[in-house]
Amino acid sequence: KAFMRMLGSPKLGRERTNLIFALFDLDGTSSIDKEEFRGICRYYLGHHPTVPMLEAEWAKLDQDEKGYAALADYSRWLRMS
């Protein structure tokens, strides 16, 4: 519980962004793919995202259609969301 409270702290800012990104970068590539992003969405929503919602948010995140998103892309997505 303490870890989840810490992640929700507004004081963390950039550190929280980096930590959440790293937690969901399961393969350690310094990027996230759509499946890893599904986990991030589930974290923020508190439930599994619908397919249309996931597709819409992924399109915002992966604007270049590379099939993955770097930390800079994720940070931009967070600011837009």
N, C-alpha and C. Protein backbone atom coordinates (compact mmCIF):
# COMPACT_ATOMS: atom_id res chain seq x y z
N LYS A 1 0.81 -1.19 0.00
CA LYS A 1 0.00 0.00 0.00
C LYS A 1 0.86 1.26 0.00
N ALA A 2 1.93 1.24 0.76
CA ALA A 2 2.79 2.42 0.84
C ALA A 2 3.39 2.74 -0.52
N PHE A 3 3.76 1.71 -1.28
CA PHE A 3 4.32 1.93 -2.61
C PHE A 3 3.30 2.60 -3.53
N MET A 4 2.06 2.15 -3.51
CA MET A 4 1.02 2.75 -4.35
C MET A 4 0.73 4.18 -3.91
N ARG A 5 0.75 4.45 -2.62
CA ARG A 5 0.57 5.83 -2.14
C ARG A 5 1.71 6.71 -2.64
N MET A 6 2.92 6.18 -2.60
CA MET A 6 4.08 6.93 -3.06
C MET A 6 3.94 7.27 -4.55
N LEU A 7 3.47 6.31 -5.35
CA LEU A 7 3.29 6.57 -6.79
C LEU A 7 2.24 7.64 -7.04
N GLY A 8 1.28 7.76 -6.15
CA GLY A 8 0.22 8.76 -6.31
C GLY A 8 0.58 10.13 -5.78
N SER A 9 1.75 10.26 -5.19
CA SER A 9 2.15 11.54 -4.60
C SER A 9 2.39 12.59 -5.68
N PRO A 10 1.74 13.76 -5.57
CA PRO A 10 1.95 14.82 -6.56
C PRO A 10 3.35 15.43 -6.49
N LYS A 11 4.09 15.17 -5.44
CA LYS A 11 5.43 15.74 -5.27
C LYS A 11 6.46 15.08 -6.19
N LEU A 12 6.17 13.90 -6.69
CA LEU A 12 7.17 13.15 -7.44
C LEU A 12 7.37 13.64 -8.88
N GLY A 13 6.33 14.09 -9.55
CA GLY A 13 6.45 14.64 -10.89
C GLY A 13 7.24 13.77 -11.86
N ARG A 14 8.38 14.29 -12.31
CA ARG A 14 9.21 13.61 -13.31
C ARG A 14 9.69 12.26 -12.81
N GLU A 15 10.02 12.16 -11.52
CA GLU A 15 10.49 10.90 -10.98
C GLU A 15 9.41 9.82 -11.09
N ARG A 16 8.16 10.20 -10.83
CA ARG A 16 7.06 9.25 -10.96
C ARG A 16 6.90 8.81 -12.40
N THR A 17 6.99 9.76 -13.33
CA THR A 17 6.89 9.44 -14.75
C THR A 17 7.96 8.42 -15.12
N ASN A 18 9.19 8.67 -14.72
CA ASN A 18 10.29 7.75 -15.03
C ASN A 18 10.09 6.39 -14.38
N LEU A 19 9.63 6.37 -13.14
CA LEU A 19 9.44 5.13 -12.41
C LEU A 19 8.34 4.28 -13.04
N ILE A 20 7.20 4.89 -13.34
CA ILE A 20 6.11 4.13 -13.94
C ILE A 20 6.52 3.59 -15.30
N PHE A 21 7.20 4.42 -16.10
CA PHE A 21 7.68 3.97 -17.40
C PHE A 21 8.60 2.76 -17.23
N ALA A 22 9.54 2.84 -16.31
CA ALA A 22 10.49 1.75 -16.08
C ALA A 22 9.79 0.49 -15.58
N LEU A 23 8.79 0.64 -14.72
CA LEU A 23 8.07 -0.52 -14.19
C LEU A 23 7.35 -1.29 -15.29
N PHE A 24 6.86 -0.58 -16.29
CA PHE A 24 6.08 -1.24 -17.34
C PHE A 24 6.92 -1.58 -18.58
N ASP A 25 8.17 -1.15 -18.62
CA ASP A 25 9.10 -1.55 -19.69
C ASP A 25 9.62 -2.93 -19.34
N LEU A 26 8.78 -3.92 -19.52
CA LEU A 26 9.06 -5.27 -19.03
C LEU A 26 10.25 -5.93 -19.69
N ASP A 27 10.53 -5.59 -20.94
CA ASP A 27 11.66 -6.23 -21.64
C ASP A 27 12.95 -5.42 -21.54
N GLY A 28 12.91 -4.28 -20.84
CA GLY A 28 14.12 -3.51 -20.60
C GLY A 28 14.71 -2.84 -21.83
N THR A 29 13.89 -2.51 -22.81
CA THR A 29 14.37 -1.90 -24.06
C THR A 29 14.40 -0.37 -24.01
N SER A 30 14.04 0.21 -22.89
CA SER A 30 13.91 1.67 -22.75
C SER A 30 12.84 2.22 -23.67
N SER A 31 11.89 1.37 -23.99
CA SER A 31 10.70 1.78 -24.75
C SER A 31 9.56 0.86 -24.32
N ILE A 32 8.34 1.28 -24.61
CA ILE A 32 7.19 0.43 -24.31
C ILE A 32 6.45 0.14 -25.60
N ASP A 33 5.96 -1.09 -25.69
CA ASP A 33 5.13 -1.45 -26.84
C ASP A 33 3.66 -1.41 -26.40
N LYS A 34 2.77 -1.77 -27.29
CA LYS A 34 1.35 -1.64 -26.98
C LYS A 34 0.93 -2.53 -25.79
N GLU A 35 1.49 -3.73 -25.70
CA GLU A 35 1.14 -4.60 -24.58
C GLU A 35 1.61 -4.01 -23.25
N GLU A 36 2.80 -3.45 -23.24
CA GLU A 36 3.29 -2.81 -22.02
C GLU A 36 2.45 -1.57 -21.70
N PHE A 37 2.04 -0.85 -22.72
CA PHE A 37 1.19 0.33 -22.54
C PHE A 37 -0.17 -0.07 -21.98
N ARG A 38 -0.66 -1.24 -22.36
CA ARG A 38 -1.93 -1.74 -21.80
C ARG A 38 -1.83 -1.80 -20.27
N GLY A 39 -0.69 -2.22 -19.76
CA GLY A 39 -0.48 -2.27 -18.31
C GLY A 39 -0.49 -0.88 -17.69
N ILE A 40 0.10 0.09 -18.38
CA ILE A 40 0.09 1.46 -17.88
C ILE A 40 -1.34 1.99 -17.82
N CYS A 41 -2.10 1.73 -18.87
CA CYS A 41 -3.51 2.17 -18.88
C CYS A 41 -4.27 1.53 -17.74
N ARG A 42 -4.05 0.24 -17.53
CA ARG A 42 -4.73 -0.45 -16.44
C ARG A 42 -4.35 0.16 -15.10
N TYR A 43 -3.09 0.53 -14.94
CA TYR A 43 -2.63 1.17 -13.70
C TYR A 43 -3.40 2.48 -13.48
N TYR A 44 -3.48 3.32 -14.50
CA TYR A 44 -4.14 4.62 -14.34
C TYR A 44 -5.66 4.49 -14.20
N LEU A 45 -6.26 3.57 -14.94
CA LEU A 45 -7.72 3.43 -14.92
C LEU A 45 -8.23 2.62 -13.73
N GLY A 46 -7.41 1.70 -13.25
CA GLY A 46 -7.84 0.80 -12.19
C GLY A 46 -8.59 -0.41 -12.72
N HIS A 47 -8.64 -0.55 -14.04
CA HIS A 47 -9.26 -1.71 -14.69
C HIS A 47 -8.68 -1.81 -16.10
N HIS A 48 -8.94 -2.92 -16.75
CA HIS A 48 -8.43 -3.11 -18.12
C HIS A 48 -9.11 -2.12 -19.06
N PRO A 49 -8.34 -1.48 -19.93
CA PRO A 49 -8.95 -0.56 -20.90
C PRO A 49 -9.72 -1.33 -21.96
N THR A 50 -10.73 -0.70 -22.52
CA THR A 50 -11.42 -1.31 -23.65
C THR A 50 -10.49 -1.25 -24.86
N VAL A 51 -10.75 -2.10 -25.83
CA VAL A 51 -9.92 -2.10 -27.04
C VAL A 51 -9.98 -0.74 -27.75
N PRO A 52 -11.18 -0.15 -27.95
CA PRO A 52 -11.20 1.16 -28.61
C PRO A 52 -10.44 2.24 -27.83
N MET A 53 -10.55 2.22 -26.51
CA MET A 53 -9.84 3.20 -25.70
C MET A 53 -8.33 2.99 -25.81
N LEU A 54 -7.88 1.75 -25.72
CA LEU A 54 -6.46 1.45 -25.82
C LEU A 54 -5.93 1.90 -27.18
N GLU A 55 -6.65 1.57 -28.24
CA GLU A 55 -6.22 1.95 -29.59
C GLU A 55 -6.13 3.46 -29.74
N ALA A 56 -7.09 4.18 -29.22
CA ALA A 56 -7.10 5.65 -29.32
C ALA A 56 -5.92 6.25 -28.56
N GLU A 57 -5.67 5.77 -27.35
CA GLU A 57 -4.57 6.31 -26.55
C GLU A 57 -3.22 5.90 -27.14
N TRP A 58 -3.12 4.69 -27.65
CA TRP A 58 -1.88 4.24 -28.28
C TRP A 58 -1.56 5.10 -29.51
N ALA A 59 -2.58 5.45 -30.28
CA ALA A 59 -2.36 6.31 -31.46
C ALA A 59 -1.82 7.67 -31.05
N LYS A 60 -2.27 8.19 -29.91
CA LYS A 60 -1.75 9.46 -29.40
C LYS A 60 -0.29 9.31 -28.95
N LEU A 61 0.01 8.16 -28.36
CA LEU A 61 1.35 7.92 -27.84
C LEU A 61 2.34 7.61 -28.96
N ASP A 62 1.98 6.72 -29.85
CA ASP A 62 2.86 6.29 -30.95
C ASP A 62 2.48 7.03 -32.22
N GLN A 63 2.65 8.32 -32.22
CA GLN A 63 2.23 9.15 -33.36
C GLN A 63 3.01 8.84 -34.63
N ASP A 64 4.24 8.36 -34.50
CA ASP A 64 5.06 8.03 -35.67
C ASP A 64 4.81 6.61 -36.17
N GLU A 65 3.94 5.88 -35.49
CA GLU A 65 3.59 4.50 -35.83
C GLU A 65 4.83 3.60 -35.92
N LYS A 66 5.71 3.73 -34.92
CA LYS A 66 6.93 2.92 -34.85
C LYS A 66 6.65 1.55 -34.23
N GLY A 67 5.56 1.47 -33.49
CA GLY A 67 5.27 0.23 -32.78
C GLY A 67 5.80 0.22 -31.36
N TYR A 68 6.41 1.31 -30.95
CA TYR A 68 6.92 1.45 -29.59
C TYR A 68 6.96 2.93 -29.25
N ALA A 69 7.12 3.22 -27.98
CA ALA A 69 7.20 4.61 -27.52
C ALA A 69 8.35 4.74 -26.53
N ALA A 70 9.13 5.78 -26.70
CA ALA A 70 10.24 6.08 -25.79
C ALA A 70 9.72 6.90 -24.61
N LEU A 71 10.56 7.11 -23.63
CA LEU A 71 10.18 7.88 -22.46
C LEU A 71 9.71 9.28 -22.84
N ALA A 72 10.35 9.92 -23.80
CA ALA A 72 9.95 11.26 -24.23
C ALA A 72 8.53 11.24 -24.80
N ASP A 73 8.19 10.19 -25.56
CA ASP A 73 6.83 10.05 -26.10
C ASP A 73 5.83 9.89 -24.96
N TYR A 74 6.19 9.06 -23.99
CA TYR A 74 5.31 8.81 -22.85
C TYR A 74 5.09 10.09 -22.04
N SER A 75 6.16 10.85 -21.82
CA SER A 75 6.04 12.11 -21.08
C SER A 75 5.12 13.09 -21.81
N ARG A 76 5.26 13.16 -23.13
CA ARG A 76 4.40 14.03 -23.94
C ARG A 76 2.95 13.57 -23.82
N TRP A 77 2.72 12.28 -23.91
CA TRP A 77 1.37 11.72 -23.80
C TRP A 77 0.75 12.08 -22.45
N LEU A 78 1.55 11.97 -21.38
CA LEU A 78 1.03 12.32 -20.05
C LEU A 78 0.62 13.78 -19.98
N ARG A 79 1.43 14.65 -20.54
CA ARG A 79 1.09 16.09 -20.52
C ARG A 79 -0.18 16.38 -21.32
N MET A 80 -0.43 15.61 -22.38
CA MET A 80 -1.62 15.82 -23.22
C MET A 80 -2.87 15.20 -22.60
N SER A 81 -2.69 14.22 -21.74
CA SER A 81 -3.83 13.48 -21.17
C SER A 81 -4.48 14.22 -20.03
